[in-house]
Amino acid sequence: MEGTLFGFNEEQIADFMSTYGVAAFILFMLFIIGEIAFKSKAGKTGTAILFFVLAFGMVGFIAKSVIQKMWGI
């Protein structure tokens, strides 16, 4: 059990956190974007623009996950 945490090695922990940990942060960021839209009274168009522009950076992470699933990596 040397070099493990709760029976998981470093590679397993890193894989789990890079998938589910980052996904949790993405959901939290979407919540923050929604709060920004609500507090600024952006309206429907402004809210859509906020979500599109601020959430566009998350598309790469999601696309990477989809491509890995499709290719079986």
Protein backbone atom coordinates (compact mmCIF):
# COMPACT_ATOMS: atom_id res chain seq x y z
CA MET A 1 0.00 0.00 0.00
CA GLU A 2 3.02 2.26 -0.32
CA GLY A 3 2.31 5.33 -2.43
CA THR A 4 -1.46 4.94 -2.47
CA LEU A 5 -4.36 6.97 -1.16
CA PHE A 6 -7.41 4.95 -0.11
CA GLY A 7 -6.16 2.11 -2.28
CA PHE A 8 -5.82 4.22 -5.45
CA ASN A 9 -2.52 5.05 -7.07
CA GLU A 10 -1.53 8.46 -8.39
CA GLU A 11 -2.52 7.68 -11.98
CA GLN A 12 -6.03 6.61 -11.00
CA ILE A 13 -6.55 9.70 -8.85
CA ALA A 14 -5.26 12.01 -11.59
CA ASP A 15 -7.51 10.36 -14.19
CA PHE A 16 -10.56 10.66 -11.94
CA MET A 17 -9.91 14.30 -11.04
CA SER A 18 -9.09 15.35 -14.60
CA THR A 19 -12.45 13.96 -15.70
CA TYR A 20 -14.91 14.44 -12.85
CA GLY A 21 -13.12 17.20 -10.97
CA VAL A 22 -12.91 19.43 -14.03
CA ALA A 23 -16.51 18.57 -14.94
CA ALA A 24 -17.60 19.73 -11.48
CA PHE A 25 -15.72 23.00 -11.98
CA ILE A 26 -17.41 23.44 -15.38
CA LEU A 27 -20.84 23.07 -13.76
CA PHE A 28 -19.82 25.57 -11.09
CA MET A 29 -18.64 28.03 -13.76
CA LEU A 30 -21.98 27.68 -15.56
CA PHE A 31 -23.70 28.54 -12.28
CA ILE A 32 -21.48 31.61 -11.93
CA ILE A 33 -22.27 32.71 -15.51
CA GLY A 34 -25.98 32.37 -14.72
CA GLU A 35 -25.54 34.48 -11.59
CA ILE A 36 -23.71 37.16 -13.58
CA ALA A 37 -26.53 37.24 -16.13
CA PHE A 38 -29.18 37.44 -13.41
CA LYS A 39 -27.48 40.13 -11.33
CA SER A 40 -26.69 42.28 -14.36
CA LYS A 41 -30.28 41.94 -15.65
CA ALA A 42 -28.89 40.96 -19.05
CA GLY A 43 -32.17 39.79 -20.57
CA LYS A 44 -32.58 36.80 -22.86
CA THR A 45 -30.18 37.93 -25.57
CA GLY A 46 -27.55 39.12 -23.11
CA THR A 47 -27.78 35.89 -21.15
CA ALA A 48 -27.37 33.85 -24.33
CA ILE A 49 -24.33 35.91 -25.31
CA LEU A 50 -22.82 35.55 -21.83
CA PHE A 51 -23.27 31.78 -21.87
CA PHE A 52 -21.92 31.47 -25.42
CA VAL A 53 -18.85 33.65 -24.93
CA LEU A 54 -17.89 32.69 -21.39
CA ALA A 55 -18.67 28.99 -21.77
CA PHE A 56 -16.97 28.64 -25.16
CA GLY A 57 -13.68 27.72 -23.49
CA MET A 58 -15.31 24.66 -21.96
CA VAL A 59 -16.13 23.25 -25.39
CA GLY A 60 -12.56 22.04 -25.88
CA PHE A 61 -12.62 19.94 -22.73
CA ILE A 62 -16.00 18.46 -23.59
CA ALA A 63 -14.92 17.78 -27.19
CA LYS A 64 -11.78 16.04 -25.92
CA SER A 65 -13.88 13.73 -23.77
CA VAL A 66 -16.27 12.95 -26.62
CA ILE A 67 -13.42 12.23 -29.04
CA GLN A 68 -11.75 9.93 -26.51
CA LYS A 69 -14.99 7.99 -26.06
CA MET A 70 -15.53 7.72 -29.82
CA TRP A 71 -11.98 6.53 -30.50
CA GLY A 72 -11.90 4.27 -27.45
CA ILE A 73 -8.87 5.94 -25.90
